[in-house]
């Protein structure tokens, strides 16, 4: 019995959905396959629970909780979600899959439910630049959805990922009906503009050591977990390659390897089981500030 069949039969509980939804990603071998599965099956359940209320099924209720965690939608009242729930669709993707490609038409706004996604900008010279890493509760594709132009980046999964989407036409309806959502959009766009401005400034004036240090600290903010063996240390709990580090910092893989090796010798970093460990966050922050 696959995940969809389990959901429809009631064999999969609400709690089990959060783990089972990732099994669904095994069926989503391609972008279009995932989209077909979710649009075909995501709202066919009829079983309800007391928490979800009489008008929302389990899947809808879970997706509403995901959307409500996003600052964009926190100003909405409880009763608003009953009409918004049918606009939400669930999608799952395996590791290294593409959620959308740079140049695709902007068909939907995406909210990361579980897992992490990187936004990659492809240049005319064949180089890739990682613009941002996104985790649970963060949105992607909002700029393209607003201006109607193609997605300006490619979104690729770093691990198994579940997302909730809102179609572009439905998102515009939300903006018309709920001014607080429009204000949330302005806030998110301002955040993205600050991030882009800082990235341009850093590429122009900072040494590569500063850029790598700053990037690692930003990743620790996104996916950092305490290290039980060393309380002051932080594990960046996401798969990262030297290529990823190079693309995020505007340098070559060879330079990224050299800088990371230097940080290890200075006992600022180590690695274990494919994860980067920041041994001295304060020391790394000093490098980010002063080089």
Protein backbone atom coordinates (compact mmCIF):
# COMPACT_ATOMS: atom_id res chain seq x y z
CA UNK A 1 0.00 0.00 0.00
CA UNK A 2 1.55 3.33 -1.03
CA UNK A 3 1.30 6.56 0.93
CA UNK A 4 -1.68 7.88 -1.02
CA UNK A 5 -3.60 4.63 -0.56
CA UNK A 6 -2.81 4.65 3.17
CA UNK A 7 -4.13 8.20 3.49
CA UNK A 8 -7.31 7.46 1.58
CA UNK A 9 -8.01 4.28 3.55
CA UNK A 10 -7.48 6.04 6.87
CA UNK A 11 -4.56 3.74 7.75
CA UNK A 12 -2.19 6.70 7.95
CA UNK A 13 -2.73 8.92 10.99
CA UNK A 14 -2.25 12.68 11.13
CA UNK A 15 0.97 12.13 13.06
CA UNK A 16 2.08 9.51 10.58
CA UNK A 17 1.44 11.86 7.67
CA UNK A 18 4.42 14.04 8.58
CA UNK A 19 6.71 11.01 8.11
CA UNK A 20 4.66 9.25 5.45
CA UNK A 21 4.50 12.30 3.23
CA UNK A 22 8.16 11.78 2.43
CA UNK A 23 7.45 8.24 1.21
CA UNK A 24 5.24 9.93 -1.33
CA UNK A 25 8.36 11.60 -2.65
CA UNK A 26 9.61 8.18 -3.77
CA UNK A 27 6.76 8.16 -6.26
CA UNK A 28 7.60 11.65 -7.48
CA UNK A 29 10.45 10.65 -9.76
CA UNK A 30 10.04 13.76 -11.87
CA UNK A 31 8.63 17.23 -11.36
CA UNK A 32 5.57 16.50 -13.49
CA UNK A 33 4.94 13.13 -11.85
CA UNK A 34 4.91 14.75 -8.42
CA UNK A 35 2.59 17.49 -9.63
CA UNK A 36 0.20 14.95 -11.21
CA UNK A 37 0.04 12.83 -8.09
CA UNK A 38 -0.62 15.71 -5.75
CA UNK A 39 -3.19 17.47 -7.91
CA UNK A 40 -4.98 14.17 -8.51
CA UNK A 41 -5.03 12.85 -4.99
CA UNK A 42 -4.29 15.54 -2.42
CA UNK A 43 -7.88 16.52 -1.60
CA UNK A 44 -9.74 13.21 -2.00
CA UNK A 45 -9.85 12.29 1.69
CA UNK A 46 -13.15 12.53 3.49
CA UNK A 47 -12.23 11.41 7.00
CA UNK A 48 -12.18 14.26 9.55
CA UNK A 49 -10.84 14.73 13.06
CA UNK A 50 -11.99 16.86 15.93
CA UNK A 51 -8.93 19.08 15.62
CA UNK A 52 -9.42 19.67 11.93
CA UNK A 53 -13.09 20.44 12.35
CA UNK A 54 -15.99 19.07 10.32
CA UNK A 55 -15.08 20.79 7.04
CA UNK A 56 -11.36 20.02 6.71
CA UNK A 57 -9.92 16.57 6.08
CA UNK A 58 -6.63 15.49 7.64
CA UNK A 59 -4.45 16.50 4.72
CA UNK A 60 -6.06 19.92 4.38
CA UNK A 61 -5.71 20.55 8.10
CA UNK A 62 -2.00 19.67 8.03
CA UNK A 63 -1.35 21.92 5.05
CA UNK A 64 -3.19 24.79 6.75
CA UNK A 65 -0.83 24.44 9.74
CA UNK A 66 2.15 24.69 7.39
CA UNK A 67 0.80 27.82 5.70
CA UNK A 68 -0.08 29.42 9.05
CA UNK A 69 3.54 29.09 10.19
CA UNK A 70 4.68 31.46 7.43
CA UNK A 71 4.92 35.13 8.50
CA UNK A 72 3.15 36.03 5.26
CA UNK A 73 -0.10 34.51 6.53
CA UNK A 74 0.07 35.00 10.29
CA UNK A 75 -2.32 37.97 10.20
CA UNK A 76 -5.20 35.84 8.93
CA UNK A 77 -8.06 34.99 11.29
CA UNK A 78 -9.08 31.43 12.19
CA UNK A 79 -12.25 31.56 10.12
CA UNK A 80 -10.35 32.69 7.00
CA UNK A 81 -8.59 29.36 6.64
CA UNK A 82 -11.73 27.40 5.88
CA UNK A 83 -12.00 29.09 2.49
CA UNK A 84 -8.23 29.12 1.92
CA UNK A 85 -7.67 25.40 2.61
CA UNK A 86 -8.92 24.20 -0.83
CA UNK A 87 -6.28 26.44 -2.45
CA UNK A 88 -3.45 24.45 -0.81
CA UNK A 89 -1.82 21.51 -2.58
CA UNK A 90 0.86 19.14 -1.29
CA UNK A 91 3.89 18.06 -3.33
CA UNK A 92 6.85 15.83 -2.50
CA UNK A 93 10.25 15.58 -4.13
CA UNK A 94 13.18 13.20 -3.60
CA UNK A 95 16.71 14.40 -2.93
CA UNK A 96 18.37 16.28 -5.82
CA UNK A 97 15.04 16.80 -7.62
CA UNK A 98 14.02 20.08 -9.22
CA UNK A 99 11.00 21.90 -7.82
CA UNK A 100 11.08 24.37 -10.71
CA UNK A 101 13.63 25.59 -13.22
CA UNK A 102 14.94 29.05 -13.98
CA UNK A 103 12.84 30.27 -16.89
CA UNK A 104 9.74 28.22 -16.04
CA UNK A 105 6.43 30.11 -16.02
CA UNK A 106 5.41 31.11 -12.45
CA UNK A 107 2.51 28.79 -11.82
CA UNK A 108 2.60 28.73 -8.01
CA UNK A 109 3.99 30.03 -4.73
CA UNK A 110 5.83 27.32 -2.76
CA UNK A 111 6.05 26.90 1.02
CA UNK A 112 8.68 24.49 2.35
CA UNK A 113 7.04 22.01 4.73
CA UNK A 114 9.93 19.63 5.42
CA UNK A 115 13.48 19.41 4.12
CA UNK A 116 15.66 22.06 2.52
CA UNK A 117 15.92 23.63 -0.92
CA UNK A 118 18.63 25.66 -2.62
CA UNK A 119 17.90 28.45 -5.10
CA UNK A 120 20.43 28.44 -7.94
CA UNK A 121 21.02 31.15 -10.54
CA UNK A 122 22.52 29.90 -13.81
CA UNK A 123 24.77 32.41 -15.55
CA UNK A 124 25.37 32.88 -19.26
CA UNK A 125 28.96 31.72 -18.73
CA UNK A 126 27.93 28.31 -17.42
CA UNK A 127 28.55 29.02 -13.74
CA UNK A 128 25.99 28.47 -11.01
CA UNK A 129 25.48 30.77 -8.04
CA UNK A 130 23.55 29.54 -5.00
CA UNK A 131 21.41 32.54 -4.09
CA UNK A 132 19.83 31.17 -0.94
CA UNK A 133 19.14 28.04 1.10
CA UNK A 134 15.58 27.66 2.39
CA UNK A 135 14.10 25.46 5.10
CA UNK A 136 10.73 24.69 6.72
CA UNK A 137 8.32 27.63 6.87
CA UNK A 138 10.08 29.64 4.16
CA UNK A 139 8.61 30.55 0.78
CA UNK A 140 10.01 30.50 -2.73
CA UNK A 141 8.86 31.73 -6.09
CA UNK A 142 7.05 34.77 -4.70
CA UNK A 143 8.74 37.38 -6.90
CA UNK A 144 7.91 35.56 -10.13
CA UNK A 145 4.36 34.91 -8.96
CA UNK A 146 3.88 38.61 -8.31
CA UNK A 147 5.31 40.07 -11.52
CA UNK A 148 4.36 37.24 -13.85
CA UNK A 149 7.85 36.85 -15.26
CA UNK A 150 9.57 33.42 -15.32
CA UNK A 151 11.23 32.07 -12.19
CA UNK A 152 14.61 33.78 -11.91
CA UNK A 153 16.28 30.81 -10.18
CA UNK A 154 16.17 27.03 -10.16
CA UNK A 155 14.94 25.39 -6.96
CA UNK A 156 16.69 22.09 -6.20
CA UNK A 157 16.17 19.84 -3.18
CA UNK A 158 19.07 19.06 -0.85
CA UNK A 159 17.18 16.17 0.74
CA UNK A 160 13.68 14.71 0.57
CA UNK A 161 11.34 17.69 0.57
CA UNK A 162 7.63 18.28 1.08
CA UNK A 163 6.07 21.58 0.02
CA UNK A 164 2.67 23.22 0.03
CA UNK A 165 1.76 25.29 -3.02
CA UNK A 166 -0.76 28.01 -3.81
CA UNK A 167 -1.56 28.58 -7.49
CA UNK A 168 -0.75 32.04 -8.82
CA UNK A 169 -4.39 32.94 -9.51
CA UNK A 170 -5.37 31.86 -5.98
CA UNK A 171 -2.54 33.88 -4.47
CA UNK A 172 -3.77 37.00 -6.28
CA UNK A 173 -7.24 36.36 -4.86
CA UNK A 174 -5.71 36.27 -1.37
CA UNK A 175 -3.98 39.59 -1.96
CA UNK A 176 -7.28 41.16 -3.03
CA UNK A 177 -9.23 39.77 -0.09
CA UNK A 178 -6.70 40.10 2.73
CA UNK A 179 -4.60 43.32 2.89
CA UNK A 180 -2.50 41.83 5.69
CA UNK A 181 -1.18 39.24 3.25
CA UNK A 182 -0.15 42.05 0.90
CA UNK A 183 1.78 43.67 3.76
CA UNK A 184 3.44 40.35 4.45
CA UNK A 185 4.54 40.16 0.83
CA UNK A 186 6.13 43.61 1.10
CA UNK A 187 7.99 42.49 4.22
CA UNK A 188 9.29 39.32 2.54
CA UNK A 189 10.39 41.19 -0.58
CA UNK A 190 12.23 43.69 1.62
CA UNK A 191 14.05 40.82 3.33
CA UNK A 192 15.06 39.37 -0.03
CA UNK A 193 16.27 42.77 -1.24
CA UNK A 194 18.44 43.21 1.86
CA UNK A 195 19.89 39.73 1.34
CA UNK A 196 20.68 40.45 -2.31
CA UNK A 197 22.22 43.83 -1.47
CA UNK A 198 24.44 42.23 1.17
CA UNK A 199 25.48 39.48 -1.24
CA UNK A 200 26.49 42.01 -3.92
CA UNK A 201 28.42 44.07 -1.35
CA UNK A 202 30.18 40.97 -0.03
CA UNK A 203 31.20 39.76 -3.48
CA UNK A 204 32.57 43.20 -4.29
CA UNK A 205 34.64 43.99 -1.20
CA UNK A 206 35.01 40.99 1.13
CA UNK A 207 37.85 38.50 1.09
CA UNK A 208 36.86 34.92 0.26
CA UNK A 209 37.55 33.85 3.87
CA UNK A 210 34.97 36.36 5.06
CA UNK A 211 32.43 35.19 2.51
CA UNK A 212 32.85 31.53 3.44
CA UNK A 213 32.66 32.30 7.16
CA UNK A 214 29.55 34.42 6.73
CA UNK A 215 27.90 31.74 4.61
CA UNK A 216 28.58 29.02 7.18
CA UNK A 217 27.15 31.16 9.96
CA UNK A 218 24.04 31.85 7.87
CA UNK A 219 23.62 28.12 7.27
CA UNK A 220 24.00 27.50 10.99
CA UNK A 221 21.14 29.94 11.60
CA UNK A 222 19.03 27.97 9.13
CA UNK A 223 19.93 24.42 10.08
CA UNK A 224 22.18 24.53 13.14
CA UNK A 225 21.81 21.99 15.94
CA UNK A 226 23.73 21.75 19.24
CA UNK A 227 26.60 19.29 19.43
CA UNK A 228 26.20 17.12 22.52
CA UNK A 229 29.94 16.41 22.67
CA UNK A 230 30.82 20.11 22.62
CA UNK A 231 28.03 22.43 23.84
CA UNK A 232 29.38 25.59 22.20
CA UNK A 233 29.64 23.90 18.79
CA UNK A 234 26.91 23.83 16.11
CA UNK A 235 26.25 21.08 13.57
CA UNK A 236 24.94 22.32 10.22
CA UNK A 237 22.35 19.60 9.78
CA UNK A 238 22.06 19.58 6.01
CA UNK A 239 24.05 17.94 3.22
CA UNK A 240 26.63 20.34 1.81
CA UNK A 241 29.32 19.78 -0.77
CA UNK A 242 32.38 21.90 -1.48
CA UNK A 243 30.65 22.77 -4.75
CA UNK A 244 27.70 24.18 -2.76
CA UNK A 245 30.03 26.31 -0.63
CA UNK A 246 31.82 27.59 -3.74
CA UNK A 247 28.56 28.47 -5.49
CA UNK A 248 27.25 30.30 -2.42
CA UNK A 249 30.38 32.39 -2.05
CA UNK A 250 31.23 33.22 -5.65
CA UNK A 251 34.51 31.35 -5.70
CA UNK A 252 36.01 28.19 -7.18
CA UNK A 253 35.77 24.74 -5.65
CA UNK A 254 39.55 24.66 -5.20
CA UNK A 255 39.48 27.95 -3.25
CA UNK A 256 36.56 26.77 -1.12
CA UNK A 257 38.48 23.59 -0.26
CA UNK A 258 41.59 25.61 0.65
CA UNK A 259 39.64 28.01 2.91
CA UNK A 260 37.76 25.19 4.64
CA UNK A 261 41.03 23.34 5.25
CA UNK A 262 42.51 26.49 6.79
CA UNK A 263 39.47 26.83 9.07
CA UNK A 264 39.98 23.22 10.19
CA UNK A 265 43.61 23.85 11.03
CA UNK A 266 42.51 26.88 13.07
CA UNK A 267 40.03 24.58 14.87
CA UNK A 268 37.09 26.66 13.72
CA UNK A 269 35.49 23.74 11.87
CA UNK A 270 35.39 19.98 11.69
CA UNK A 271 33.14 17.48 9.94
CA UNK A 272 31.39 14.25 10.85
CA UNK A 273 29.14 11.95 8.83
CA UNK A 274 28.87 14.39 6.00
CA UNK A 275 27.92 17.34 8.21
CA UNK A 276 29.97 20.49 8.89
CA UNK A 277 30.51 21.28 12.58
CA UNK A 278 31.29 24.86 13.62
CA UNK A 279 33.54 24.34 16.63
CA UNK A 280 34.01 28.01 17.46
CA UNK A 281 31.06 30.17 16.33
CA UNK A 282 32.55 33.29 17.92
CA UNK A 283 35.88 32.76 16.19
CA UNK A 284 34.17 32.20 12.86
CA UNK A 285 32.08 35.34 13.38
CA UNK A 286 35.31 37.27 13.97
CA UNK A 287 36.65 36.00 10.61
CA UNK A 288 33.38 37.04 8.95
CA UNK A 289 33.76 40.58 10.35
CA UNK A 290 37.47 41.15 10.06
CA UNK A 291 38.86 38.55 7.67
